[in-house]
Amino acid sequence: MSRRPRRPPVPPSSPCPCGLPGSYADCCGRLHDGRAPAVTAEQLMRSRYSAFVVRDEAYLLRTWAADQRPARVGLDDDRTWTGLEILGRTGGSAFHTVGTVDFRARYRDAGEAGEQRENSRFVRADGAWVYERPV
């Protein structure tokens, strides 16, 4: 089995994996490389999904609540993320300190289709949105 690079190059002009219109560079890429912070909980959730797609473990760890952050994410070499659907949200705007995002993320794992469904809780820590845990 060949191992994929830790973070494959994503052409800046390619569509953003999070599903919003626009290029990766102008959408989630600017959050991944630190040019912009997430303004809402949903934006952070979308950028975290995109980080799984591009295998950016450092971003995933950086945007995890410090008191719940694992030592490693453990990205699966056989899993390819194929789509994101936002099912609902509560709070999480620029004016909130807590928010939830209910989502479905589709993937292929060793050739088999699958999905992850989660209602995630996000909080502000030092003014920045971070992933806390599933609700």
Protein backbone atom coordinates (compact mmCIF):
# COMPACT_ATOMS: atom_id res chain seq x y z
CA MET A 1 0.00 0.00 0.00
CA SER A 2 1.45 3.36 -0.96
CA ARG A 3 1.20 6.18 1.54
CA ARG A 4 -0.13 9.53 0.45
CA PRO A 5 1.78 12.68 1.33
CA ARG A 6 0.71 14.31 4.55
CA ARG A 7 -0.86 17.28 2.76
CA PRO A 8 -1.11 16.96 -0.99
CA PRO A 9 -0.85 20.17 -2.94
CA VAL A 10 -4.21 21.73 -3.71
CA PRO A 11 -4.18 24.04 -6.70
CA PRO A 12 -5.25 27.46 -5.42
CA SER A 13 -7.77 27.81 -8.24
CA SER A 14 -9.45 24.42 -7.64
CA PRO A 15 -13.00 24.45 -6.21
CA CYS A 16 -13.09 24.51 -2.42
CA PRO A 17 -13.80 21.06 -0.95
CA CYS A 18 -16.27 22.57 1.55
CA GLY A 19 -18.84 23.01 -1.22
CA LEU A 20 -19.17 26.78 -1.17
CA PRO A 21 -18.64 28.64 -4.43
CA GLY A 22 -15.14 29.90 -4.96
CA SER A 23 -11.64 28.58 -5.12
CA TYR A 24 -9.84 26.73 -2.37
CA ALA A 25 -7.40 29.65 -2.02
CA ASP A 26 -10.18 32.20 -1.52
CA CYS A 27 -12.32 30.01 0.74
CA CYS A 28 -10.86 27.48 3.20
CA GLY A 29 -7.26 27.82 2.00
CA ARG A 30 -6.99 31.29 3.53
CA LEU A 31 -8.05 29.88 6.90
CA HIS A 32 -5.67 26.92 6.62
CA ASP A 33 -2.68 29.14 5.92
CA GLY A 34 -3.60 31.73 8.56
CA ARG A 35 -4.56 34.61 6.25
CA ALA A 36 -8.03 34.81 7.84
CA PRO A 37 -9.86 33.47 10.90
CA ALA A 38 -13.23 31.71 10.80
CA VAL A 39 -15.96 34.30 11.39
CA THR A 40 -18.69 31.77 12.19
CA ALA A 41 -18.91 28.28 13.63
CA GLU A 42 -20.13 26.98 10.26
CA GLN A 43 -17.16 28.53 8.47
CA LEU A 44 -14.82 26.79 10.93
CA MET A 45 -16.66 23.50 10.46
CA ARG A 46 -16.40 23.78 6.68
CA SER A 47 -12.70 24.64 6.93
CA ARG A 48 -12.11 21.64 9.20
CA TYR A 49 -13.85 19.37 6.68
CA SER A 50 -11.59 20.82 3.97
CA ALA A 51 -8.59 20.20 6.23
CA PHE A 52 -9.52 16.51 6.32
CA VAL A 53 -9.74 16.56 2.51
CA VAL A 54 -6.29 18.15 2.09
CA ARG A 55 -4.89 16.26 5.11
CA ASP A 56 -3.90 19.35 7.10
CA GLU A 57 -3.51 17.79 10.55
CA ALA A 58 -1.83 20.93 11.96
CA TYR A 59 -4.92 23.03 11.16
CA LEU A 60 -7.25 20.43 12.67
CA LEU A 61 -5.24 20.41 15.90
CA ARG A 62 -4.91 24.21 15.98
CA THR A 63 -8.71 24.62 15.70
CA TRP A 64 -9.56 22.06 18.39
CA ALA A 65 -10.44 23.27 21.91
CA ALA A 66 -7.23 23.03 23.95
CA ASP A 67 -8.81 21.06 26.81
CA GLN A 68 -10.07 18.36 24.41
CA ARG A 69 -7.37 18.36 21.73
CA PRO A 70 -5.84 14.94 21.01
CA ALA A 71 -2.11 14.55 20.49
CA ARG A 72 -2.74 13.42 16.89
CA VAL A 73 -5.69 13.30 14.54
CA GLY A 74 -4.66 10.03 12.90
CA LEU A 75 -5.73 10.70 9.33
CA ASP A 76 -6.63 7.50 7.51
CA ASP A 77 -4.62 6.96 4.32
CA ASP A 78 -7.43 4.91 2.77
CA ARG A 79 -10.20 7.48 3.39
CA THR A 80 -11.05 10.02 0.69
CA TRP A 81 -13.60 12.67 1.65
CA THR A 82 -16.09 13.25 -1.17
CA GLY A 83 -18.74 15.73 -0.03
CA LEU A 84 -20.17 17.85 2.75
CA GLU A 85 -23.79 18.69 3.51
CA ILE A 86 -24.81 21.13 6.24
CA LEU A 87 -28.08 19.91 7.78
CA GLY A 88 -28.62 22.61 10.39
CA ARG A 89 -27.00 25.06 12.75
CA THR A 90 -27.71 26.95 15.96
CA GLY A 91 -25.95 30.12 17.14
CA GLY A 92 -22.40 30.34 15.93
CA SER A 93 -22.60 33.76 14.29
CA ALA A 94 -20.07 36.55 14.68
CA PHE A 95 -22.18 37.69 17.66
CA HIS A 96 -22.35 34.34 19.52
CA THR A 97 -19.89 32.52 21.76
CA VAL A 98 -21.33 29.02 21.20
CA GLY A 99 -22.72 27.32 18.12
CA THR A 100 -23.55 23.93 16.72
CA VAL A 101 -23.36 22.63 13.17
CA ASP A 102 -25.17 19.46 12.16
CA PHE A 103 -23.54 17.92 9.10
CA ARG A 104 -23.09 14.87 6.93
CA ALA A 105 -19.66 14.21 5.41
CA ARG A 106 -19.35 11.56 2.73
CA TYR A 107 -16.24 9.50 2.05
CA ARG A 108 -14.82 6.45 0.33
CA ASP A 109 -12.77 4.12 2.48
CA ALA A 110 -10.90 1.27 0.78
CA GLY A 111 -13.37 1.54 -2.11
CA GLU A 112 -16.51 1.50 0.06
CA ALA A 113 -18.83 4.51 0.34
CA GLY A 114 -19.63 5.80 3.81
CA GLU A 115 -20.69 8.87 5.71
CA GLN A 116 -20.09 10.56 9.01
CA ARG A 117 -23.03 12.35 10.61
CA GLU A 118 -22.30 14.65 13.52
CA ASN A 119 -23.77 17.62 15.34
CA SER A 120 -20.63 19.47 16.43
CA ARG A 121 -20.31 22.07 19.16
CA PHE A 122 -18.05 25.08 18.64
CA VAL A 123 -17.03 27.72 21.16
CA ARG A 124 -15.00 30.89 21.13
CA ALA A 125 -11.61 30.66 22.85
CA ASP A 126 -9.63 33.88 23.07
CA GLY A 127 -11.93 35.34 20.40
CA ALA A 128 -11.44 32.50 17.88
CA TRP A 129 -13.87 29.73 16.99
CA VAL A 130 -12.66 26.24 17.95
CA TYR A 131 -14.17 22.77 17.67
CA GLU A 132 -15.15 21.45 21.07
CA ARG A 133 -16.95 18.12 20.67
CA PRO A 134 -19.96 16.32 19.22
CA VAL A 135 -23.23 17.31 20.90
